[in-house]
Amino acid sequence: FKFVFPAFSLVDLGKRLLDAAKNGDVEEVKNLISNGAPFTTDWLGISPLHFAAMNGHLSSCEALLRAGISRDARTKVDRTPLHLAAQEGHADIVELLLRNGADLSAKDMLRMTALHWAAERGHTPVVQMLMRFGADAHLQNKFEMTPLDIAECKRHD
């Protein structure tokens, strides 16, 4: 008698990988990857790396990058994992993505870069890190605002 694991479709494995990345369950992420889970996205184009990056799950991000997931995958509004990590203030993940070659000047649908989003949310350590890696503080978004313009507008003093 041989015990057989229940057969999961690739779609099921992909959905489980999205959930594991979202929840920061790095052991499940590694298990699913080793069992052939595809790098799928949800209906908004959000990949497992997007979920792990926005939710601050460094170990899951590392596992996904090691497995070869696209570091610059785009959502339906052209956001990359770097945009989301910067927006949420996850400096450790921003650094990981940049050290793995993420596109520092990637622009989303509003022509916002990761630096725009970090400035918009007031995440000073992330802004400083992006600048150290060479982010262009003079790029304008769709509304002709630079990250500095955004930071000045958001000041509450």
N, C-alpha and C. Protein backbone atom coordinates (compact mmCIF):
# COMPACT_ATOMS: atom_id res chain seq x y z
N PHE A 1 0.85 -1.19 0.00
CA PHE A 1 0.00 0.00 0.00
C PHE A 1 0.89 1.24 0.00
N LYS A 2 0.63 2.13 -0.92
CA LYS A 2 1.44 3.34 -1.05
C LYS A 2 0.54 4.56 -0.86
N PHE A 3 0.95 5.45 0.04
CA PHE A 3 0.18 6.67 0.27
C PHE A 3 0.47 7.67 -0.84
N VAL A 4 -0.58 8.18 -1.45
CA VAL A 4 -0.41 9.15 -2.53
C VAL A 4 -0.99 10.49 -2.08
N PHE A 5 -0.18 11.54 -2.25
CA PHE A 5 -0.68 12.87 -1.92
C PHE A 5 -1.82 13.23 -2.86
N PRO A 6 -2.78 13.99 -2.36
CA PRO A 6 -3.85 14.40 -3.26
C PRO A 6 -3.28 15.22 -4.42
N ALA A 7 -3.81 14.98 -5.57
CA ALA A 7 -3.32 15.69 -6.75
C ALA A 7 -3.91 17.10 -6.78
N PHE A 8 -3.03 18.05 -6.86
CA PHE A 8 -3.46 19.44 -6.98
C PHE A 8 -3.19 19.89 -8.41
N SER A 9 -4.10 20.63 -8.97
CA SER A 9 -3.84 21.17 -10.30
C SER A 9 -2.82 22.29 -10.18
N LEU A 10 -2.21 22.64 -11.30
CA LEU A 10 -1.26 23.75 -11.29
C LEU A 10 -1.94 25.04 -10.85
N VAL A 11 -3.19 25.20 -11.23
CA VAL A 11 -3.94 26.40 -10.82
C VAL A 11 -4.06 26.44 -9.30
N ASP A 12 -4.39 25.29 -8.69
CA ASP A 12 -4.49 25.21 -7.23
C ASP A 12 -3.15 25.53 -6.57
N LEU A 13 -2.07 24.95 -7.11
CA LEU A 13 -0.74 25.20 -6.55
C LEU A 13 -0.38 26.68 -6.65
N GLY A 14 -0.71 27.29 -7.78
CA GLY A 14 -0.44 28.72 -7.96
C GLY A 14 -1.20 29.57 -6.97
N LYS A 15 -2.47 29.22 -6.74
CA LYS A 15 -3.28 29.97 -5.77
C LYS A 15 -2.74 29.78 -4.36
N ARG A 16 -2.32 28.56 -4.05
CA ARG A 16 -1.76 28.30 -2.71
C ARG A 16 -0.46 29.08 -2.51
N LEU A 17 0.34 29.22 -3.58
CA LEU A 17 1.58 29.99 -3.49
C LEU A 17 1.27 31.46 -3.24
N LEU A 18 0.26 31.99 -3.91
CA LEU A 18 -0.15 33.39 -3.65
C LEU A 18 -0.52 33.58 -2.19
N ASP A 19 -1.31 32.65 -1.66
CA ASP A 19 -1.73 32.74 -0.25
C ASP A 19 -0.55 32.62 0.71
N ALA A 20 0.34 31.68 0.44
CA ALA A 20 1.50 31.49 1.31
C ALA A 20 2.40 32.73 1.31
N ALA A 21 2.58 33.33 0.14
CA ALA A 21 3.41 34.54 0.04
C ALA A 21 2.74 35.70 0.77
N LYS A 22 1.43 35.81 0.60
CA LYS A 22 0.66 36.88 1.26
C LYS A 22 0.76 36.77 2.78
N ASN A 23 0.75 35.53 3.28
CA ASN A 23 0.76 35.28 4.72
C ASN A 23 2.15 35.16 5.32
N GLY A 24 3.18 35.17 4.46
CA GLY A 24 4.55 35.06 4.96
C GLY A 24 4.92 33.68 5.45
N ASP A 25 4.25 32.66 4.93
CA ASP A 25 4.55 31.27 5.32
C ASP A 25 5.68 30.75 4.44
N VAL A 26 6.92 31.08 4.83
CA VAL A 26 8.08 30.78 3.98
C VAL A 26 8.26 29.28 3.76
N GLU A 27 7.96 28.45 4.75
CA GLU A 27 8.10 27.00 4.56
C GLU A 27 7.12 26.51 3.50
N GLU A 28 5.91 27.01 3.54
CA GLU A 28 4.92 26.64 2.52
C GLU A 28 5.33 27.18 1.15
N VAL A 29 5.86 28.40 1.11
CA VAL A 29 6.35 28.96 -0.16
C VAL A 29 7.40 28.03 -0.76
N LYS A 30 8.39 27.64 0.05
CA LYS A 30 9.46 26.75 -0.43
C LYS A 30 8.91 25.40 -0.87
N ASN A 31 7.99 24.85 -0.08
CA ASN A 31 7.38 23.56 -0.39
C ASN A 31 6.63 23.61 -1.73
N LEU A 32 5.84 24.66 -1.90
CA LEU A 32 5.06 24.78 -3.14
C LEU A 32 5.97 24.96 -4.35
N ILE A 33 7.01 25.78 -4.19
CA ILE A 33 7.96 25.97 -5.30
C ILE A 33 8.62 24.64 -5.66
N SER A 34 9.05 23.89 -4.65
CA SER A 34 9.73 22.62 -4.93
C SER A 34 8.77 21.60 -5.54
N ASN A 35 7.47 21.79 -5.35
CA ASN A 35 6.48 20.90 -5.95
C ASN A 35 5.92 21.44 -7.26
N GLY A 36 6.58 22.44 -7.82
CA GLY A 36 6.23 22.89 -9.16
C GLY A 36 5.13 23.93 -9.25
N ALA A 37 4.84 24.61 -8.16
CA ALA A 37 3.80 25.65 -8.22
C ALA A 37 4.22 26.74 -9.20
N PRO A 38 3.33 27.11 -10.11
CA PRO A 38 3.67 28.17 -11.06
C PRO A 38 3.56 29.55 -10.41
N PHE A 39 4.30 30.50 -10.96
CA PHE A 39 4.22 31.88 -10.49
C PHE A 39 3.04 32.55 -11.19
N THR A 40 1.87 32.42 -10.59
CA THR A 40 0.67 33.02 -11.18
C THR A 40 0.39 34.35 -10.48
N THR A 41 -0.62 35.04 -10.97
CA THR A 41 -1.03 36.30 -10.36
C THR A 41 -2.51 36.23 -10.05
N ASP A 42 -2.96 37.16 -9.21
CA ASP A 42 -4.40 37.25 -8.98
C ASP A 42 -5.02 38.09 -10.10
N TRP A 43 -6.29 38.41 -9.97
CA TRP A 43 -6.99 39.12 -11.05
C TRP A 43 -6.49 40.55 -11.25
N LEU A 44 -5.74 41.08 -10.30
CA LEU A 44 -5.16 42.42 -10.44
C LEU A 44 -3.72 42.37 -10.93
N GLY A 45 -3.25 41.16 -11.22
CA GLY A 45 -1.88 41.00 -11.69
C GLY A 45 -0.85 40.98 -10.57
N ILE A 46 -1.31 40.76 -9.35
CA ILE A 46 -0.41 40.75 -8.20
C ILE A 46 0.22 39.36 -8.05
N SER A 47 1.55 39.32 -8.10
CA SER A 47 2.29 38.07 -8.03
C SER A 47 2.61 37.70 -6.58
N PRO A 48 3.11 36.48 -6.36
CA PRO A 48 3.53 36.13 -5.00
C PRO A 48 4.57 37.11 -4.44
N LEU A 49 5.49 37.58 -5.30
CA LEU A 49 6.51 38.52 -4.82
C LEU A 49 5.89 39.86 -4.45
N HIS A 50 4.90 40.32 -5.21
CA HIS A 50 4.19 41.55 -4.83
C HIS A 50 3.59 41.40 -3.43
N PHE A 51 2.89 40.28 -3.20
CA PHE A 51 2.25 40.06 -1.89
C PHE A 51 3.27 40.02 -0.77
N ALA A 52 4.35 39.26 -0.97
CA ALA A 52 5.37 39.15 0.08
C ALA A 52 6.03 40.51 0.33
N ALA A 53 6.29 41.26 -0.73
CA ALA A 53 6.95 42.57 -0.60
C ALA A 53 6.06 43.58 0.12
N MET A 54 4.78 43.62 -0.24
CA MET A 54 3.90 44.62 0.37
C MET A 54 3.58 44.30 1.82
N ASN A 55 3.64 43.01 2.16
CA ASN A 55 3.30 42.60 3.53
C ASN A 55 4.53 42.44 4.43
N GLY A 56 5.71 42.77 3.91
CA GLY A 56 6.90 42.77 4.74
C GLY A 56 7.49 41.41 5.05
N HIS A 57 7.29 40.44 4.18
CA HIS A 57 7.76 39.08 4.42
C HIS A 57 9.11 38.84 3.71
N LEU A 58 10.18 39.24 4.37
CA LEU A 58 11.53 39.18 3.79
C LEU A 58 11.93 37.77 3.38
N SER A 59 11.75 36.79 4.26
CA SER A 59 12.18 35.41 3.95
C SER A 59 11.43 34.85 2.75
N SER A 60 10.15 35.17 2.63
CA SER A 60 9.38 34.71 1.47
C SER A 60 9.90 35.38 0.20
N CYS A 61 10.22 36.67 0.28
CA CYS A 61 10.79 37.38 -0.88
C CYS A 61 12.09 36.71 -1.31
N GLU A 62 12.95 36.40 -0.33
CA GLU A 62 14.23 35.75 -0.65
C GLU A 62 14.00 34.41 -1.35
N ALA A 63 13.08 33.61 -0.83
CA ALA A 63 12.81 32.29 -1.42
C ALA A 63 12.27 32.43 -2.84
N LEU A 64 11.38 33.37 -3.06
CA LEU A 64 10.80 33.58 -4.39
C LEU A 64 11.86 34.07 -5.38
N LEU A 65 12.71 34.99 -4.95
CA LEU A 65 13.76 35.48 -5.84
C LEU A 65 14.75 34.37 -6.18
N ARG A 66 15.12 33.56 -5.19
CA ARG A 66 16.02 32.42 -5.44
C ARG A 66 15.42 31.45 -6.45
N ALA A 67 14.10 31.32 -6.42
CA ALA A 67 13.42 30.39 -7.33
C ALA A 67 13.25 30.97 -8.73
N GLY A 68 13.61 32.24 -8.90
CA GLY A 68 13.59 32.83 -10.24
C GLY A 68 12.36 33.62 -10.61
N ILE A 69 11.54 34.00 -9.63
CA ILE A 69 10.37 34.82 -9.95
C ILE A 69 10.82 36.17 -10.50
N SER A 70 10.02 36.76 -11.35
CA SER A 70 10.36 38.06 -11.93
C SER A 70 10.39 39.14 -10.86
N ARG A 71 11.54 39.79 -10.71
CA ARG A 71 11.69 40.84 -9.69
C ARG A 71 10.98 42.12 -10.11
N ASP A 72 10.68 42.25 -11.40
CA ASP A 72 10.03 43.46 -11.91
C ASP A 72 8.66 43.18 -12.51
N ALA A 73 7.99 42.14 -12.02
CA ALA A 73 6.64 41.82 -12.52
C ALA A 73 5.74 43.03 -12.32
N ARG A 74 4.79 43.21 -13.23
CA ARG A 74 3.90 44.37 -13.19
C ARG A 74 2.47 43.95 -12.88
N THR A 75 1.82 44.74 -12.04
CA THR A 75 0.38 44.53 -11.81
C THR A 75 -0.37 45.19 -12.96
N LYS A 76 -1.69 45.14 -12.92
CA LYS A 76 -2.48 45.76 -13.99
C LYS A 76 -2.36 47.28 -14.01
N VAL A 77 -1.85 47.87 -12.91
CA VAL A 77 -1.60 49.32 -12.90
C VAL A 77 -0.09 49.60 -12.92
N ASP A 78 0.66 48.61 -13.43
CA ASP A 78 2.11 48.73 -13.65
C ASP A 78 2.95 48.89 -12.39
N ARG A 79 2.45 48.42 -11.25
CA ARG A 79 3.23 48.49 -10.01
C ARG A 79 4.14 47.27 -9.92
N THR A 80 5.39 47.49 -9.51
CA THR A 80 6.34 46.40 -9.30
C THR A 80 6.41 46.06 -7.80
N PRO A 81 7.01 44.93 -7.45
CA PRO A 81 7.21 44.65 -6.02
C PRO A 81 7.98 45.77 -5.31
N LEU A 82 8.92 46.41 -6.02
CA LEU A 82 9.67 47.51 -5.42
C LEU A 82 8.75 48.68 -5.08
N HIS A 83 7.82 49.01 -5.97
CA HIS A 83 6.84 50.07 -5.68
C HIS A 83 6.12 49.78 -4.36
N LEU A 84 5.64 48.53 -4.23
CA LEU A 84 4.83 48.17 -3.07
C LEU A 84 5.64 48.13 -1.78
N ALA A 85 6.85 47.60 -1.85
CA ALA A 85 7.71 47.57 -0.65
C ALA A 85 8.05 48.99 -0.21
N ALA A 86 8.33 49.87 -1.17
CA ALA A 86 8.66 51.27 -0.85
C ALA A 86 7.45 51.98 -0.26
N GLN A 87 6.29 51.76 -0.86
CA GLN A 87 5.06 52.40 -0.39
C GLN A 87 4.73 51.99 1.04
N GLU A 88 4.99 50.73 1.37
CA GLU A 88 4.67 50.22 2.70
C GLU A 88 5.80 50.42 3.71
N GLY A 89 6.94 50.94 3.25
CA GLY A 89 8.03 51.26 4.18
C GLY A 89 8.90 50.10 4.60
N HIS A 90 8.96 49.06 3.78
CA HIS A 90 9.76 47.87 4.11
C HIS A 90 11.18 48.01 3.56
N ALA A 91 12.03 48.73 4.30
CA ALA A 91 13.39 49.04 3.84
C ALA A 91 14.21 47.78 3.56
N ASP A 92 14.04 46.74 4.38
CA ASP A 92 14.81 45.51 4.18
C ASP A 92 14.46 44.85 2.85
N ILE A 93 13.19 44.89 2.48
CA ILE A 93 12.76 44.29 1.22
C ILE A 93 13.16 45.17 0.04
N VAL A 94 13.07 46.49 0.21
CA VAL A 94 13.54 47.41 -0.83
C VAL A 94 15.00 47.10 -1.14
N GLU A 95 15.81 46.97 -0.10
CA GLU A 95 17.24 46.68 -0.30
C GLU A 95 17.43 45.33 -0.98
N LEU A 96 16.71 44.31 -0.54
CA LEU A 96 16.80 42.98 -1.16
C LEU A 96 16.47 43.06 -2.65
N LEU A 97 15.38 43.72 -2.99
CA LEU A 97 14.97 43.82 -4.40
C LEU A 97 16.02 44.56 -5.22
N LEU A 98 16.54 45.66 -4.68
CA LEU A 98 17.56 46.43 -5.41
C LEU A 98 18.83 45.61 -5.59
N ARG A 99 19.24 44.88 -4.57
CA ARG A 99 20.45 44.05 -4.67
C ARG A 99 20.24 42.89 -5.65
N ASN A 100 18.99 42.57 -5.92
CA ASN A 100 18.67 41.52 -6.91
C ASN A 100 18.34 42.11 -8.27
N GLY A 101 18.65 43.40 -8.46
CA GLY A 101 18.53 44.00 -9.78
C GLY A 101 17.18 44.58 -10.14
N ALA A 102 16.32 44.84 -9.16
CA ALA A 102 15.02 45.45 -9.47
C ALA A 102 15.23 46.81 -10.13
N ASP A 103 14.32 47.16 -11.02
CA ASP A 103 14.40 48.41 -11.78
C ASP A 103 14.03 49.59 -10.90
N LEU A 104 15.04 50.37 -10.53
CA LEU A 104 14.89 51.52 -9.64
C LEU A 104 14.02 52.61 -10.25
N SER A 105 14.03 52.71 -11.58
CA SER A 105 13.29 53.80 -12.23
C SER A 105 11.98 53.34 -12.85
N ALA A 106 11.52 52.13 -12.51
CA ALA A 106 10.23 51.65 -13.04
C ALA A 106 9.12 52.61 -12.63
N LYS A 107 8.24 52.91 -13.60
CA LYS A 107 7.13 53.83 -13.33
C LYS A 107 5.81 53.08 -13.47
N ASP A 108 4.88 53.39 -12.58
CA ASP A 108 3.56 52.77 -12.65
C ASP A 108 2.65 53.60 -13.56
N MET A 109 1.36 53.29 -13.54
CA MET A 109 0.40 53.95 -14.41
C MET A 109 0.33 55.47 -14.17
N LEU A 110 0.65 55.90 -12.95
CA LEU A 110 0.66 57.33 -12.62
C LEU A 110 2.05 57.93 -12.83
N ARG A 111 2.94 57.15 -13.46
CA ARG A 111 4.35 57.51 -13.67
C ARG A 111 5.07 57.78 -12.34
N MET A 112 4.64 57.05 -11.31
CA MET A 112 5.27 57.13 -9.99
C MET A 112 6.36 56.05 -9.91
N THR A 113 7.51 56.44 -9.36
CA THR A 113 8.58 55.48 -9.08
C THR A 113 8.47 55.04 -7.62
N ALA A 114 9.31 54.10 -7.24
CA ALA A 114 9.35 53.68 -5.83
C ALA A 114 9.67 54.88 -4.94
N LEU A 115 10.53 55.78 -5.42
CA LEU A 115 10.89 56.96 -4.64
C LEU A 115 9.68 57.88 -4.43
N HIS A 116 8.87 58.05 -5.47
CA HIS A 116 7.63 58.83 -5.32
C HIS A 116 6.76 58.24 -4.20
N TRP A 117 6.59 56.90 -4.23
CA TRP A 117 5.70 56.26 -3.25
C TRP A 117 6.26 56.35 -1.84
N ALA A 118 7.57 56.15 -1.69
CA ALA A 118 8.18 56.26 -0.35
C ALA A 118 8.04 57.68 0.18
N ALA A 119 8.23 58.67 -0.69
CA ALA A 119 8.09 60.08 -0.28
C ALA A 119 6.64 60.39 0.08
N GLU A 120 5.72 59.86 -0.71
CA GLU A 120 4.29 60.11 -0.49
C GLU A 120 3.85 59.59 0.87
N ARG A 121 4.42 58.47 1.29
CA ARG A 121 4.06 57.86 2.56
C ARG A 121 4.95 58.30 3.73
N GLY A 122 5.96 59.12 3.43
CA GLY A 122 6.83 59.62 4.50
C GLY A 122 7.79 58.59 5.07
N HIS A 123 8.19 57.63 4.27
CA HIS A 123 9.11 56.58 4.73
C HIS A 123 10.56 57.01 4.51
N THR A 124 11.05 57.85 5.41
CA THR A 124 12.39 58.44 5.26
C THR A 124 13.50 57.41 5.08
N PRO A 125 13.57 56.33 5.88
CA PRO A 125 14.65 55.36 5.67
C PRO A 125 14.62 54.74 4.26
N VAL A 126 13.43 54.52 3.72
CA VAL A 126 13.32 53.96 2.37
C VAL A 126 13.75 55.00 1.35
N VAL A 127 13.33 56.25 1.53
CA VAL A 127 13.75 57.33 0.63
C VAL A 127 15.28 57.40 0.60
N GLN A 128 15.90 57.38 1.78
CA GLN A 128 17.37 57.46 1.86
C GLN A 128 18.03 56.28 1.16
N MET A 129 17.48 55.09 1.34
CA MET A 129 18.06 53.92 0.70
C MET A 129 17.93 54.01 -0.82
N LEU A 130 16.76 54.39 -1.31
CA LEU A 130 16.56 54.53 -2.75
C LEU A 130 17.54 55.56 -3.33
N MET A 131 17.75 56.65 -2.61
CA MET A 131 18.70 57.67 -3.07
C MET A 131 20.13 57.11 -3.10
N ARG A 132 20.50 56.34 -2.08
CA ARG A 132 21.84 55.72 -2.06
C ARG A 132 22.04 54.80 -3.25
N PHE A 133 20.98 54.14 -3.69
CA PHE A 133 21.07 53.24 -4.84
C PHE A 133 20.97 53.99 -6.17
N GLY A 134 20.79 55.32 -6.10
CA GLY A 134 20.80 56.12 -7.32
C GLY A 134 19.45 56.51 -7.88
N ALA A 135 18.41 56.48 -7.08
CA ALA A 135 17.08 56.90 -7.56
C ALA A 135 17.13 58.36 -8.01
N ASP A 136 16.42 58.66 -9.08
CA ASP A 136 16.37 60.02 -9.63
C ASP A 136 15.26 60.81 -8.96
N ALA A 137 15.65 61.77 -8.14
CA ALA A 137 14.68 62.59 -7.40
C ALA A 137 14.02 63.65 -8.27
N HIS A 138 14.44 63.74 -9.54
CA HIS A 138 13.90 64.78 -10.42
C HIS A 138 12.86 64.25 -11.40
N LEU A 139 12.59 62.94 -11.37
CA LEU A 139 11.58 62.39 -12.27
C LEU A 139 10.20 62.90 -11.86
N GLN A 140 9.40 63.26 -12.85
CA GLN A 140 8.06 63.77 -12.57
C GLN A 140 7.03 62.68 -12.83
N ASN A 141 6.00 62.67 -11.99
CA ASN A 141 4.91 61.73 -12.21
C ASN A 141 3.90 62.32 -13.19
N LYS A 142 2.78 61.67 -13.35
CA LYS A 142 1.74 62.10 -14.28
C LYS A 142 1.25 63.52 -13.99
N PHE A 143 1.37 63.93 -12.73
CA PHE A 143 0.90 65.25 -12.32
C PHE A 143 2.03 66.27 -12.24
N GLU A 144 3.16 65.92 -12.90
CA GLU A 144 4.35 66.78 -12.98
C GLU A 144 4.93 67.09 -11.60
N MET A 145 4.84 66.11 -10.71
CA MET A 145 5.40 66.27 -9.37
C MET A 145 6.59 65.33 -9.19
N THR A 146 7.66 65.87 -8.61
CA THR A 146 8.83 65.06 -8.27
C THR A 146 8.60 64.46 -6.88
N PRO A 147 9.41 63.50 -6.49
CA PRO A 147 9.30 62.98 -5.11
C PRO A 147 9.44 64.09 -4.06
N LEU A 148 10.31 65.07 -4.31
CA LEU A 148 10.48 66.18 -3.37
C LEU A 148 9.20 67.01 -3.28
N ASP A 149 8.57 67.28 -4.43
CA ASP A 149 7.30 68.02 -4.43
C ASP A 149 6.26 67.29 -3.58
N ILE A 150 6.20 65.98 -3.75
CA ILE A 150 5.22 65.17 -3.00
C ILE A 150 5.51 65.22 -1.51
N ALA A 151 6.78 65.08 -1.15
CA ALA A 151 7.16 65.12 0.27
C ALA A 151 6.79 66.46 0.89
N GLU A 152 7.01 67.55 0.14
CA GLU A 152 6.67 68.88 0.66
C GLU A 152 5.17 69.04 0.83
N CYS A 153 4.39 68.52 -0.10
CA CYS A 153 2.92 68.61 0.00
C CYS A 153 2.39 67.81 1.19
N LYS A 154 3.06 66.72 1.52
CA LYS A 154 2.58 65.83 2.57
C LYS A 154 3.02 66.26 3.97
N ARG A 155 3.90 67.23 4.05
CA ARG A 155 4.38 67.68 5.37
C ARG A 155 3.23 68.26 6.17
N HIS A 156 3.22 67.94 7.45
CA HIS A 156 2.12 68.39 8.30
C HIS A 156 2.55 69.44 9.30
N ASP A 157 3.62 70.19 8.97
CA ASP A 157 4.05 71.21 9.94
C ASP A 157 3.84 72.61 9.42
